[in-house]
Amino acid sequence: MTKLQLRKFINWLGKEGYSIIGPVKEGKQISIKGITKPKELDLSGCLPLYSFKKYLIPPKEILFEYAGQQFKSQLVSKKQALFGMSIFDLKALLLYNHVFEKDPYYQARRQNTLIIGQVRMPPPQFPSFQIWQEKYEEDVLEHLQFDIFLGSQRKNGKGINFRIYTGTRIGQEILESFGYKNYEHIQFAGPIKEEGVEPQILEVREKMSKYFNPKIWEKLGKICIECGKCSLVCPTCFCFDMKDEPDLKKSQGIRTRRWTTCFYEDFSEIAGGHKFLATTSEKIHNWYWHKFVRIPDEYSFPGCVGCSRCSMVCPAGIDICKVLSSIRGRKKGEPEVCKIL
């Protein structure tokens, strides 16, 4: 697909009622936001600082309104096309689809969302997170869920062409309705490759669950300031609070769901004031435990996609790659976990 065809396709999606959301360059940063013109999309391949998470799991959403015994659900969801999702964010989508499998609010939004992925590379200051190689393109894609994917760019005498893949019947139908048939369909083969989870990931889980090293968490606890920025930018952090907001009128109000993080003071607090996560060391250990032990045990794949966004925003300079190496006790010359996520 040429760039011109791609722009026509984006305009066509807009006429079909889709809100187009994708990467947009704002100064030196790439943001994810709604666009009105195809040329606004940034197709440079740079990874946006934030993921598409808020368009699938909003920072705050009204679940229902109530008035006496009457409840009005807020399940209405408009059509949206998430354009240019990276491999990292598509991996996070796998997790959302499992965690919120029976959540009607997520499912209503997901069913009205068209997923369009694109080849994206990590920023140059994080070369260890290079996971994409063209020769492995199909092997990677068969373990991701998407409707359409813009594959490797190939230059010819007239410009850049994208190799187009589809991952669902919906993706095929949309492309053919648009009038484009030069695509390759890839059948989803599950989130895990045939050879299973990488040994380095299994080693991290083993070390964390059976060989607890308090020195690692005590050291991190002294520098972490509990700001929660890592959770904010992490595409796989999905913890939330439920809040009832009563109206001034009797027996009326709303129930909302909003993002939270295990670094916040009230996250683990229960009646009587007891906190299960009382210290900074306990909080940061819990954050890593959730991603590398609890999620793998529950869903059979890592809770970290390897995007390094947490390292980019951490004001204390905590580097997840170095932390994982410390957990493993990695010796010089051994592969880093970050290189195979």
C-alpha atoms as a PDB file:
ATOM      1  CA  MET A   1       0.000   0.000   0.000  1.00  0.00           C
ATOM      2  CA  THR A   2       1.439   3.352  -1.005  1.00  0.00           C
ATOM      3  CA  LYS A   3       1.361   6.435   1.198  1.00  0.00           C
ATOM      4  CA  LEU A   4      -1.289   7.956  -1.045  1.00  0.00           C
ATOM      5  CA  GLN A   5      -3.477   4.847  -0.756  1.00  0.00           C
ATOM      6  CA  LEU A   6      -2.963   4.899   2.996  1.00  0.00           C
ATOM      7  CA  ARG A   7      -4.150   8.504   3.252  1.00  0.00           C
ATOM      8  CA  LYS A   8      -7.196   7.679   1.139  1.00  0.00           C
ATOM      9  CA  PHE A   9      -7.888   4.711   3.401  1.00  0.00           C
ATOM     10  CA  ILE A  10      -7.740   6.913   6.528  1.00  0.00           C
ATOM     11  CA  ASN A  11     -10.157   9.410   4.945  1.00  0.00           C
ATOM     12  CA  TRP A  12     -12.434   6.529   3.986  1.00  0.00           C
ATOM     13  CA  LEU A  13     -12.475   5.238   7.575  1.00  0.00           C
ATOM     14  CA  GLY A  14     -13.501   8.704   8.755  1.00  0.00           C
ATOM     15  CA  LYS A  15     -16.422   8.726   6.317  1.00  0.00           C
ATOM     16  CA  GLU A  16     -17.405   5.283   7.630  1.00  0.00           C
ATOM     17  CA  GLY A  17     -17.892   6.800  11.082  1.00  0.00           C
ATOM     18  CA  TYR A  18     -14.578   5.966  12.747  1.00  0.00           C
ATOM     19  CA  SER A  19     -12.734   8.448  14.943  1.00  0.00           C
ATOM     20  CA  ILE A  20      -9.077   8.165  13.924  1.00  0.00           C
ATOM     21  CA  ILE A  21      -6.625   8.080  16.832  1.00  0.00           C
ATOM     22  CA  GLY A  22      -2.898   7.750  16.333  1.00  0.00           C
ATOM     23  CA  PRO A  23       0.620   9.122  16.853  1.00  0.00           C
ATOM     24  CA  VAL A  24       1.040  12.854  16.297  1.00  0.00           C
ATOM     25  CA  LYS A  25       4.281  14.797  16.628  1.00  0.00           C
ATOM     26  CA  GLU A  26       4.080  17.696  19.086  1.00  0.00           C
ATOM     27  CA  GLY A  27       7.432  19.427  19.400  1.00  0.00           C
ATOM     28  CA  LYS A  28      10.000  16.762  20.220  1.00  0.00           C
ATOM     29  CA  GLN A  29       7.440  14.331  21.586  1.00  0.00           C
ATOM     30  CA  ILE A  30       5.097  11.870  19.883  1.00  0.00           C
ATOM     31  CA  SER A  31       1.600  11.940  21.401  1.00  0.00           C
ATOM     32  CA  ILE A  32      -1.441   9.736  20.876  1.00  0.00           C
ATOM     33  CA  LYS A  33      -4.508  11.793  19.993  1.00  0.00           C
ATOM     34  CA  GLY A  34      -7.424  12.157  17.604  1.00  0.00           C
ATOM     35  CA  ILE A  35      -6.710  13.479  14.117  1.00  0.00           C
ATOM     36  CA  THR A  36      -8.825  15.113  11.431  1.00  0.00           C
ATOM     37  CA  LYS A  37      -6.383  14.867   8.500  1.00  0.00           C
ATOM     38  CA  PRO A  38      -4.179  11.904   7.474  1.00  0.00           C
ATOM     39  CA  LYS A  39      -1.076  14.093   7.222  1.00  0.00           C
ATOM     40  CA  GLU A  40      -1.280  14.726  10.978  1.00  0.00           C
ATOM     41  CA  LEU A  41      -0.269  11.105  11.680  1.00  0.00           C
ATOM     42  CA  ASP A  42       3.384  10.535  12.438  1.00  0.00           C
ATOM     43  CA  LEU A  43       4.588   7.438  10.580  1.00  0.00           C
ATOM     44  CA  SER A  44       8.270   7.915  11.374  1.00  0.00           C
ATOM     45  CA  GLY A  45       8.414   4.785  13.500  1.00  0.00           C
ATOM     46  CA  CYS A  46       9.278   6.581  16.766  1.00  0.00           C
ATOM     47  CA  LEU A  47       7.627   5.116  19.859  1.00  0.00           C
ATOM     48  CA  PRO A  48       5.138   7.500  21.571  1.00  0.00           C
ATOM     49  CA  LEU A  49       5.803   8.139  25.251  1.00  0.00           C
ATOM     50  CA  TYR A  50       2.231   7.141  26.136  1.00  0.00           C
ATOM     51  CA  SER A  51       0.433   4.055  24.870  1.00  0.00           C
ATOM     52  CA  PHE A  52      -3.114   3.667  23.523  1.00  0.00           C
ATOM     53  CA  LYS A  53      -4.270   2.436  26.945  1.00  0.00           C
ATOM     54  CA  LYS A  54      -6.599   5.338  27.748  1.00  0.00           C
ATOM     55  CA  TYR A  55      -8.657   4.709  24.590  1.00  0.00           C
ATOM     56  CA  LEU A  56      -9.415   1.159  25.723  1.00  0.00           C
ATOM     57  CA  ILE A  57      -9.340   1.652  29.493  1.00  0.00           C
ATOM     58  CA  PRO A  58     -10.186   5.321  30.194  1.00  0.00           C
ATOM     59  CA  PRO A  59      -8.458   7.089  33.135  1.00  0.00           C
ATOM     60  CA  LYS A  60     -11.980   7.738  34.444  1.00  0.00           C
ATOM     61  CA  GLU A  61     -15.293   6.378  33.205  1.00  0.00           C
ATOM     62  CA  ILE A  62     -18.871   6.422  34.480  1.00  0.00           C
ATOM     63  CA  LEU A  63     -20.135   2.861  34.891  1.00  0.00           C
ATOM     64  CA  PHE A  64     -23.718   3.754  35.716  1.00  0.00           C
ATOM     65  CA  GLU A  65     -26.046   6.403  37.102  1.00  0.00           C
ATOM     66  CA  TYR A  66     -28.548   5.614  39.803  1.00  0.00           C
ATOM     67  CA  ALA A  67     -31.726   7.268  41.048  1.00  0.00           C
ATOM     68  CA  GLY A  68     -33.504   5.363  43.789  1.00  0.00           C
ATOM     69  CA  GLN A  69     -33.869   1.808  42.504  1.00  0.00           C
ATOM     70  CA  GLN A  70     -33.289   2.807  38.877  1.00  0.00           C
ATOM     71  CA  PHE A  71     -29.903   2.178  37.234  1.00  0.00           C
ATOM     72  CA  LYS A  72     -28.772   3.538  33.876  1.00  0.00           C
ATOM     73  CA  SER A  73     -25.705   1.795  32.453  1.00  0.00           C
ATOM     74  CA  GLN A  74     -23.101   3.711  30.404  1.00  0.00           C
ATOM     75  CA  LEU A  75     -22.262   0.999  27.860  1.00  0.00           C
ATOM     76  CA  VAL A  76     -22.484   3.271  24.812  1.00  0.00           C
ATOM     77  CA  SER A  77     -19.259   3.205  22.780  1.00  0.00           C
ATOM     78  CA  LYS A  78     -18.480   5.030  19.520  1.00  0.00           C
ATOM     79  CA  LYS A  79     -16.477   3.576  16.639  1.00  0.00           C
ATOM     80  CA  GLN A  80     -12.775   4.326  16.835  1.00  0.00           C
ATOM     81  CA  ALA A  81      -9.724   3.255  14.833  1.00  0.00           C
ATOM     82  CA  LEU A  82      -6.511   3.016  16.863  1.00  0.00           C
ATOM     83  CA  PHE A  83      -3.969   3.628  14.147  1.00  0.00           C
ATOM     84  CA  GLY A  84      -0.273   2.785  14.395  1.00  0.00           C
ATOM     85  CA  MET A  85      -0.194   0.554  17.487  1.00  0.00           C
ATOM     86  CA  SER A  86       3.335  -0.733  18.034  1.00  0.00           C
ATOM     87  CA  ILE A  87       4.333  -4.324  18.731  1.00  0.00           C
ATOM     88  CA  PHE A  88       4.670  -3.284  22.394  1.00  0.00           C
ATOM     89  CA  ASP A  89       1.124  -1.931  22.579  1.00  0.00           C
ATOM     90  CA  LEU A  90      -0.306  -4.907  20.702  1.00  0.00           C
ATOM     91  CA  LYS A  91       1.279  -7.166  23.324  1.00  0.00           C
ATOM     92  CA  ALA A  92      -0.444  -5.080  26.000  1.00  0.00           C
ATOM     93  CA  LEU A  93      -3.731  -5.522  24.124  1.00  0.00           C
ATOM     94  CA  LEU A  94      -3.389  -9.291  24.593  1.00  0.00           C
ATOM     95  CA  LEU A  95      -3.338  -8.731  28.334  1.00  0.00           C
ATOM     96  CA  TYR A  96      -6.349  -6.370  28.304  1.00  0.00           C
ATOM     97  CA  ASN A  97      -8.345  -8.930  26.331  1.00  0.00           C
ATOM     98  CA  HIS A  98      -7.675 -11.546  29.027  1.00  0.00           C
ATOM     99  CA  VAL A  99      -8.026  -9.375  32.134  1.00  0.00           C
ATOM    100  CA  PHE A 100     -11.221  -7.656  30.946  1.00  0.00           C
ATOM    101  CA  GLU A 101     -12.658 -10.683  29.149  1.00  0.00           C
ATOM    102  CA  LYS A 102     -15.894 -10.538  31.151  1.00  0.00           C
ATOM    103  CA  ASP A 103     -15.990  -6.772  31.674  1.00  0.00           C
ATOM    104  CA  PRO A 104     -18.973  -5.400  29.674  1.00  0.00           C
ATOM    105  CA  TYR A 105     -17.588  -1.847  29.556  1.00  0.00           C
ATOM    106  CA  TYR A 106     -14.259  -2.892  28.083  1.00  0.00           C
ATOM    107  CA  GLN A 107     -15.902  -5.352  25.702  1.00  0.00           C
ATOM    108  CA  ALA A 108     -18.369  -2.737  24.396  1.00  0.00           C
ATOM    109  CA  ARG A 109     -15.440  -0.404  23.663  1.00  0.00           C
ATOM    110  CA  ARG A 110     -13.273  -3.166  22.206  1.00  0.00           C
ATOM    111  CA  GLN A 111     -16.000  -4.355  19.816  1.00  0.00           C
ATOM    112  CA  ASN A 112     -16.258  -0.843  18.386  1.00  0.00           C
ATOM    113  CA  THR A 113     -12.484  -0.446  18.038  1.00  0.00           C
ATOM    114  CA  LEU A 114     -10.530  -1.172  14.889  1.00  0.00           C
ATOM    115  CA  ILE A 115      -6.918  -2.122  15.697  1.00  0.00           C
ATOM    116  CA  ILE A 116      -4.347  -1.053  13.100  1.00  0.00           C
ATOM    117  CA  GLY A 117      -0.754  -1.872  13.997  1.00  0.00           C
ATOM    118  CA  GLN A 118       2.454  -0.525  12.523  1.00  0.00           C
ATOM    119  CA  VAL A 119       6.154  -1.357  12.612  1.00  0.00           C
ATOM    120  CA  ARG A 120       7.707   0.867  15.265  1.00  0.00           C
ATOM    121  CA  MET A 121      11.164   0.963  16.753  1.00  0.00           C
ATOM    122  CA  PRO A 122      12.249   1.994  20.266  1.00  0.00           C
ATOM    123  CA  PRO A 123      14.067   5.321  20.656  1.00  0.00           C
ATOM    124  CA  PRO A 124      17.831   5.275  20.032  1.00  0.00           C
ATOM    125  CA  GLN A 125      18.696   5.842  23.694  1.00  0.00           C
ATOM    126  CA  PHE A 126      17.248   2.391  24.448  1.00  0.00           C
ATOM    127  CA  PRO A 127      18.857   0.145  21.794  1.00  0.00           C
ATOM    128  CA  SER A 128      18.542  -2.953  23.981  1.00  0.00           C
ATOM    129  CA  PHE A 129      14.795  -2.945  23.377  1.00  0.00           C
ATOM    130  CA  GLN A 130      15.176  -3.629  19.658  1.00  0.00           C
ATOM    131  CA  ILE A 131      12.819  -6.573  19.123  1.00  0.00           C
ATOM    132  CA  TRP A 132      11.735  -6.220  15.513  1.00  0.00           C
ATOM    133  CA  GLN A 133      13.457  -7.828  12.560  1.00  0.00           C
ATOM    134  CA  GLU A 134      11.816  -8.034   9.161  1.00  0.00           C
ATOM    135  CA  LYS A 135      12.681 -11.694   8.610  1.00  0.00           C
ATOM    136  CA  TYR A 136      10.694 -12.586  11.741  1.00  0.00           C
ATOM    137  CA  GLU A 137       7.719 -10.437  10.776  1.00  0.00           C
ATOM    138  CA  GLU A 138       5.161 -13.210  10.307  1.00  0.00           C
ATOM    139  CA  ASP A 139       6.383 -15.199  13.330  1.00  0.00           C
ATOM    140  CA  VAL A 140       5.819 -12.171  15.552  1.00  0.00           C
ATOM    141  CA  LEU A 141       2.441 -11.209  14.113  1.00  0.00           C
ATOM    142  CA  GLU A 142       0.822 -14.619  14.488  1.00  0.00           C
ATOM    143  CA  HIS A 143       1.076 -14.174  18.261  1.00  0.00           C
ATOM    144  CA  LEU A 144      -0.617 -10.754  18.325  1.00  0.00           C
ATOM    145  CA  GLN A 145      -4.243  -9.674  17.947  1.00  0.00           C
ATOM    146  CA  PHE A 146      -5.011  -6.929  15.418  1.00  0.00           C
ATOM    147  CA  ASP A 147      -7.357  -6.222  12.525  1.00  0.00           C
ATOM    148  CA  ILE A 148      -4.856  -4.663  10.108  1.00  0.00           C
ATOM    149  CA  PHE A 149      -1.091  -4.276  10.324  1.00  0.00           C
ATOM    150  CA  LEU A 150       1.218  -2.011   8.316  1.00  0.00           C
ATOM    151  CA  GLY A 151       4.319  -4.129   7.858  1.00  0.00           C
ATOM    152  CA  SER A 152       7.826  -3.319   6.711  1.00  0.00           C
ATOM    153  CA  GLN A 153       8.243  -0.249   4.538  1.00  0.00           C
ATOM    154  CA  ARG A 154       9.782  -0.778   1.123  1.00  0.00           C
ATOM    155  CA  LYS A 155      10.995   2.070  -1.042  1.00  0.00           C
ATOM    156  CA  ASN A 156      10.511   2.134  -4.775  1.00  0.00           C
ATOM    157  CA  GLY A 157      10.984   4.826  -7.402  1.00  0.00           C
ATOM    158  CA  LYS A 158       7.706   6.493  -6.416  1.00  0.00           C
ATOM    159  CA  GLY A 159       8.025   6.486  -2.635  1.00  0.00           C
ATOM    160  CA  ILE A 160       7.287   4.153   0.287  1.00  0.00           C
ATOM    161  CA  ASN A 161       5.055   1.080   0.184  1.00  0.00           C
ATOM    162  CA  PHE A 162       3.705  -0.719   3.256  1.00  0.00           C
ATOM    163  CA  ARG A 163       3.269  -4.467   3.334  1.00  0.00           C
ATOM    164  CA  ILE A 164      -0.285  -5.086   4.571  1.00  0.00           C
ATOM    165  CA  TYR A 165      -1.422  -7.911   6.844  1.00  0.00           C
ATOM    166  CA  THR A 166      -4.827  -8.720   8.297  1.00  0.00           C
ATOM    167  CA  GLY A 167      -5.466 -10.584  11.520  1.00  0.00           C
ATOM    168  CA  THR A 168      -9.270 -10.821  11.561  1.00  0.00           C
ATOM    169  CA  ARG A 169     -12.206 -11.236   9.216  1.00  0.00           C
ATOM    170  CA  ILE A 170     -13.212  -7.672  10.108  1.00  0.00           C
ATOM    171  CA  GLY A 171      -9.852  -6.390   8.892  1.00  0.00           C
ATOM    172  CA  GLN A 172     -10.272  -8.262   5.605  1.00  0.00           C
ATOM    173  CA  GLU A 173     -13.806  -6.983   5.070  1.00  0.00           C
ATOM    174  CA  ILE A 174     -12.817  -3.380   5.774  1.00  0.00           C
ATOM    175  CA  LEU A 175      -9.893  -3.457   3.345  1.00  0.00           C
ATOM    176  CA  GLU A 176     -11.991  -5.080   0.622  1.00  0.00           C
ATOM    177  CA  SER A 177     -14.837  -2.611   1.169  1.00  0.00           C
ATOM    178  CA  PHE A 178     -12.258   0.139   0.693  1.00  0.00           C
ATOM    179  CA  GLY A 179     -11.128  -1.603  -2.505  1.00  0.00           C
ATOM    180  CA  TYR A 180      -7.764  -2.975  -1.414  1.00  0.00           C
ATOM    181  CA  LYS A 181      -7.031  -6.696  -1.774  1.00  0.00           C
ATOM    182  CA  ASN A 182      -3.244  -6.932  -1.811  1.00  0.00           C
ATOM    183  CA  TYR A 183      -2.877  -8.174   1.765  1.00  0.00           C
ATOM    184  CA  GLU A 184      -1.705 -11.309   3.534  1.00  0.00           C
ATOM    185  CA  HIS A 185      -3.866 -12.862   6.244  1.00  0.00           C
ATOM    186  CA  ILE A 186      -2.236 -14.168   9.417  1.00  0.00           C
ATOM    187  CA  GLN A 187      -4.140 -16.492  11.729  1.00  0.00           C
ATOM    188  CA  PHE A 188      -3.764 -15.817  15.462  1.00  0.00           C
ATOM    189  CA  ALA A 189      -1.847 -18.718  17.054  1.00  0.00           C
ATOM    190  CA  GLY A 190      -2.089 -17.662  20.690  1.00  0.00           C
ATOM    191  CA  PRO A 191       0.112 -15.291  22.718  1.00  0.00           C
ATOM    192  CA  ILE A 192       2.985 -17.746  23.272  1.00  0.00           C
ATOM    193  CA  LYS A 193       5.337 -19.082  20.616  1.00  0.00           C
ATOM    194  CA  GLU A 194       5.660 -22.852  20.105  1.00  0.00           C
ATOM    195  CA  GLU A 195       8.990 -22.920  21.919  1.00  0.00           C
ATOM    196  CA  GLY A 196       7.270 -21.391  24.960  1.00  0.00           C
ATOM    197  CA  VAL A 197       8.269 -18.529  27.243  1.00  0.00           C
ATOM    198  CA  GLU A 198      11.901 -17.442  26.984  1.00  0.00           C
ATOM    199  CA  PRO A 199      14.208 -19.003  29.613  1.00  0.00           C
ATOM    200  CA  GLN A 200      15.300 -15.566  30.897  1.00  0.00           C
ATOM    201  CA  ILE A 201      11.699 -14.663  31.723  1.00  0.00           C
ATOM    202  CA  LEU A 202      11.195 -17.963  33.517  1.00  0.00           C
ATOM    203  CA  GLU A 203      14.402 -17.335  35.441  1.00  0.00           C
ATOM    204  CA  VAL A 204      13.162 -13.937  36.640  1.00  0.00           C
ATOM    205  CA  ARG A 205       9.934 -15.547  37.841  1.00  0.00           C
ATOM    206  CA  GLU A 206      11.859 -18.336  39.565  1.00  0.00           C
ATOM    207  CA  LYS A 207      14.254 -15.961  41.313  1.00  0.00           C
ATOM    208  CA  MET A 208      11.487 -13.618  42.471  1.00  0.00           C
ATOM    209  CA  SER A 209       9.214 -16.359  43.789  1.00  0.00           C
ATOM    210  CA  LYS A 210      11.779 -18.689  45.392  1.00  0.00           C
ATOM    211  CA  TYR A 211      14.931 -16.675  46.041  1.00  0.00           C
ATOM    212  CA  PHE A 212      13.812 -13.363  47.508  1.00  0.00           C
ATOM    213  CA  ASN A 213      16.693 -10.884  47.704  1.00  0.00           C
ATOM    214  CA  PRO A 214      15.727  -8.025  50.072  1.00  0.00           C
ATOM    215  CA  LYS A 215      18.828  -5.980  49.205  1.00  0.00           C
ATOM    216  CA  ILE A 216      17.489  -5.256  45.702  1.00  0.00           C
ATOM    217  CA  TRP A 217      14.207  -3.823  46.992  1.00  0.00           C
ATOM    218  CA  GLU A 218      15.768  -1.981  49.929  1.00  0.00           C
ATOM    219  CA  LYS A 219      18.141  -0.222  47.539  1.00  0.00           C
ATOM    220  CA  LEU A 220      15.318   0.738  45.162  1.00  0.00           C
ATOM    221  CA  GLY A 221      13.120   1.765  48.086  1.00  0.00           C
ATOM    222  CA  LYS A 222      15.666   4.393  49.094  1.00  0.00           C
ATOM    223  CA  ILE A 223      15.490   6.198  45.738  1.00  0.00           C
ATOM    224  CA  CYS A 224      11.904   5.592  44.542  1.00  0.00           C
ATOM    225  CA  ILE A 225       9.678   8.604  45.363  1.00  0.00           C
ATOM    226  CA  GLU A 226       6.349   6.751  44.863  1.00  0.00           C
ATOM    227  CA  CYS A 227       5.195   9.196  42.167  1.00  0.00           C
ATOM    228  CA  GLY A 228       3.477   6.496  40.097  1.00  0.00           C
ATOM    229  CA  LYS A 229       4.770   7.786  36.748  1.00  0.00           C
ATOM    230  CA  CYS A 230       5.878   4.285  35.784  1.00  0.00           C
ATOM    231  CA  SER A 231       2.305   3.026  36.186  1.00  0.00           C
ATOM    232  CA  LEU A 232       0.897   5.984  34.274  1.00  0.00           C
ATOM    233  CA  VAL A 233       2.938   5.311  31.127  1.00  0.00           C
ATOM    234  CA  CYS A 234       3.079   1.515  31.449  1.00  0.00           C
ATOM    235  CA  PRO A 235       0.734  -0.072  28.884  1.00  0.00           C
ATOM    236  CA  THR A 236       0.151  -3.108  31.140  1.00  0.00           C
ATOM    237  CA  CYS A 237      -0.711  -1.336  34.415  1.00  0.00           C
ATOM    238  CA  PHE A 238      -4.489  -1.695  34.679  1.00  0.00           C
ATOM    239  CA  CYS A 239      -5.303  -1.352  38.403  1.00  0.00           C
ATOM    240  CA  PHE A 240      -8.341   0.799  39.152  1.00  0.00           C
ATOM    241  CA  ASP A 241     -10.512   2.192  41.969  1.00  0.00           C
ATOM    242  CA  MET A 242     -14.302   2.187  42.130  1.00  0.00           C
ATOM    243  CA  LYS A 243     -15.843   5.406  43.442  1.00  0.00           C
ATOM    244  CA  ASP A 244     -19.460   6.229  44.259  1.00  0.00           C
ATOM    245  CA  GLU A 245     -20.236   9.915  43.804  1.00  0.00           C
ATOM    246  CA  PRO A 246     -23.630  10.727  45.351  1.00  0.00           C
ATOM    247  CA  ASP A 247     -25.630  13.663  44.056  1.00  0.00           C
ATOM    248  CA  LEU A 248     -27.059  16.353  46.327  1.00  0.00           C
ATOM    249  CA  LYS A 249     -30.480  14.982  45.470  1.00  0.00           C
ATOM    250  CA  LYS A 250     -31.592  12.068  47.620  1.00  0.00           C
ATOM    251  CA  SER A 251     -30.659   8.568  46.378  1.00  0.00           C
ATOM    252  CA  GLN A 252     -29.004   9.791  43.180  1.00  0.00           C
ATOM    253  CA  GLY A 253     -25.436   9.645  41.929  1.00  0.00           C
ATOM    254  CA  ILE A 254     -22.915   7.842  39.744  1.00  0.00           C
ATOM    255  CA  ARG A 255     -20.368   5.070  40.083  1.00  0.00           C
ATOM    256  CA  THR A 256     -17.024   5.634  38.393  1.00  0.00           C
ATOM    257  CA  ARG A 257     -13.948   3.594  37.676  1.00  0.00           C
ATOM    258  CA  ARG A 258     -10.557   5.324  37.537  1.00  0.00           C
ATOM    259  CA  TRP A 259      -6.883   4.450  37.255  1.00  0.00           C
ATOM    260  CA  THR A 260      -4.789   3.950  40.357  1.00  0.00           C
ATOM    261  CA  THR A 261      -1.384   2.456  41.190  1.00  0.00           C
ATOM    262  CA  CYS A 262       0.127   0.329  43.934  1.00  0.00           C
ATOM    263  CA  PHE A 263       2.457   3.246  44.738  1.00  0.00           C
ATOM    264  CA  TYR A 264      -0.391   5.398  46.098  1.00  0.00           C
ATOM    265  CA  GLU A 265      -0.851   5.537  49.872  1.00  0.00           C
ATOM    266  CA  ASP A 266      -4.430   4.241  49.964  1.00  0.00           C
ATOM    267  CA  PHE A 267      -3.942   1.401  47.438  1.00  0.00           C
ATOM    268  CA  SER A 268      -3.466  -1.413  49.968  1.00  0.00           C
ATOM    269  CA  GLU A 269      -5.187   0.209  52.951  1.00  0.00           C
ATOM    270  CA  ILE A 270      -8.058  -1.645  54.597  1.00  0.00           C
ATOM    271  CA  ALA A 271     -10.482  -0.925  57.439  1.00  0.00           C
ATOM    272  CA  GLY A 272      -8.622   0.012  60.591  1.00  0.00           C
ATOM    273  CA  GLY A 273      -5.833   1.715  58.676  1.00  0.00           C
ATOM    274  CA  HIS A 274      -3.658  -1.363  58.058  1.00  0.00           C
ATOM    275  CA  LYS A 275      -1.622  -1.287  54.830  1.00  0.00           C
ATOM    276  CA  PHE A 276      -0.330  -4.415  53.158  1.00  0.00           C
ATOM    277  CA  LEU A 277       2.188  -2.281  51.276  1.00  0.00           C
ATOM    278  CA  ALA A 278       3.489  -0.027  54.022  1.00  0.00           C
ATOM    279  CA  THR A 279       6.979   0.827  52.753  1.00  0.00           C
ATOM    280  CA  THR A 280       8.417   2.020  49.444  1.00  0.00           C
ATOM    281  CA  SER A 281      10.433  -1.200  49.177  1.00  0.00           C
ATOM    282  CA  GLU A 282       7.270  -3.288  49.491  1.00  0.00           C
ATOM    283  CA  LYS A 283       5.482  -1.200  46.857  1.00  0.00           C
ATOM    284  CA  ILE A 284       8.174  -1.439  44.215  1.00  0.00           C
ATOM    285  CA  HIS A 285       8.628  -5.158  44.895  1.00  0.00           C
ATOM    286  CA  ASN A 286       4.878  -5.620  44.431  1.00  0.00           C
ATOM    287  CA  TRP A 287       5.044  -3.746  41.092  1.00  0.00           C
ATOM    288  CA  TYR A 288       7.673  -6.136  39.759  1.00  0.00           C
ATOM    289  CA  TRP A 289       6.004  -9.187  41.328  1.00  0.00           C
ATOM    290  CA  HIS A 290       2.766  -8.352  39.557  1.00  0.00           C
ATOM    291  CA  LYS A 291       4.429  -8.143  36.134  1.00  0.00           C
ATOM    292  CA  PHE A 292       6.884 -11.020  36.375  1.00  0.00           C
ATOM    293  CA  VAL A 293       5.184 -13.517  38.699  1.00  0.00           C
ATOM    294  CA  ARG A 294       1.452 -12.929  39.171  1.00  0.00           C
ATOM    295  CA  ILE A 295       0.519 -12.127  35.568  1.00  0.00           C
ATOM    296  CA  PRO A 296       2.636 -14.973  34.085  1.00  0.00           C
ATOM    297  CA  ASP A 297       1.045 -17.390  36.567  1.00  0.00           C
ATOM    298  CA  GLU A 298      -2.472 -16.220  35.691  1.00  0.00           C
ATOM    299  CA  TYR A 299      -2.190 -15.690  31.935  1.00  0.00           C
ATOM    300  CA  SER A 300       0.961 -17.614  30.921  1.00  0.00           C
ATOM    301  CA  PHE A 301       2.792 -14.624  29.416  1.00  0.00           C
ATOM    302  CA  PRO A 302       4.830 -11.735  30.908  1.00  0.00           C
ATOM    303  CA  GLY A 303       3.189  -8.632  32.308  1.00  0.00           C
ATOM    304  CA  CYS A 304       5.910  -6.478  30.750  1.00  0.00           C
ATOM    305  CA  VAL A 305       6.104  -5.796  27.005  1.00  0.00           C
ATOM    306  CA  GLY A 306       9.627  -4.337  27.015  1.00  0.00           C
ATOM    307  CA  CYS A 307       8.787  -0.798  25.849  1.00  0.00           C
ATOM    308  CA  SER A 308      11.010   0.886  28.501  1.00  0.00           C
ATOM    309  CA  ARG A 309       8.548   3.745  29.025  1.00  0.00           C
ATOM    310  CA  CYS A 310       8.883   3.344  32.799  1.00  0.00           C
ATOM    311  CA  SER A 311      12.636   3.907  32.571  1.00  0.00           C
ATOM    312  CA  MET A 312      12.141   6.983  30.378  1.00  0.00           C
ATOM    313  CA  VAL A 313       9.930   8.823  32.877  1.00  0.00           C
ATOM    314  CA  CYS A 314      11.353   7.701  36.232  1.00  0.00           C
ATOM    315  CA  PRO A 315      12.683  10.818  38.043  1.00  0.00           C
ATOM    316  CA  ALA A 316      14.831   8.569  40.267  1.00  0.00           C
ATOM    317  CA  GLY A 317      16.529   6.953  37.266  1.00  0.00           C
ATOM    318  CA  ILE A 318      15.329   3.401  37.963  1.00  0.00           C
ATOM    319  CA  ASP A 319      16.068   1.283  34.874  1.00  0.00           C
ATOM    320  CA  ILE A 320      13.896  -1.821  34.596  1.00  0.00           C
ATOM    321  CA  CYS A 321      16.539  -3.593  32.501  1.00  0.00           C
ATOM    322  CA  LYS A 322      19.148  -3.200  35.246  1.00  0.00           C
ATOM    323  CA  VAL A 323      16.668  -4.297  37.914  1.00  0.00           C
ATOM    324  CA  LEU A 324      15.871  -7.492  36.020  1.00  0.00           C
ATOM    325  CA  SER A 325      19.584  -8.188  35.592  1.00  0.00           C
ATOM    326  CA  SER A 326      20.023  -7.784  39.371  1.00  0.00           C
ATOM    327  CA  ILE A 327      17.150 -10.184  40.046  1.00  0.00           C
ATOM    328  CA  ARG A 328      18.685 -12.801  37.776  1.00  0.00           C
ATOM    329  CA  GLY A 329      22.199 -12.197  39.070  1.00  0.00           C
ATOM    330  CA  ARG A 330      23.218 -11.979  35.412  1.00  0.00           C
ATOM    331  CA  LYS A 331      26.862 -12.546  34.679  1.00  0.00           C
ATOM    332  CA  LYS A 332      28.830 -10.631  32.064  1.00  0.00           C
ATOM    333  CA  GLY A 333      28.085 -11.880  28.554  1.00  0.00           C
ATOM    334  CA  GLU A 334      24.667 -13.398  29.361  1.00  0.00           C
ATOM    335  CA  PRO A 335      21.636 -12.090  27.407  1.00  0.00           C
ATOM    336  CA  GLU A 336      19.476  -9.419  29.044  1.00  0.00           C
ATOM    337  CA  VAL A 337      15.800 -10.057  29.621  1.00  0.00           C
ATOM    338  CA  CYS A 338      15.022  -6.752  27.879  1.00  0.00           C
ATOM    339  CA  LYS A 339      16.367  -8.054  24.591  1.00  0.00           C
ATOM    340  CA  ILE A 340      13.892 -10.908  24.322  1.00  0.00           C
ATOM    341  CA  LEU A 341      10.616  -9.461  25.682  1.00  0.00           C
END
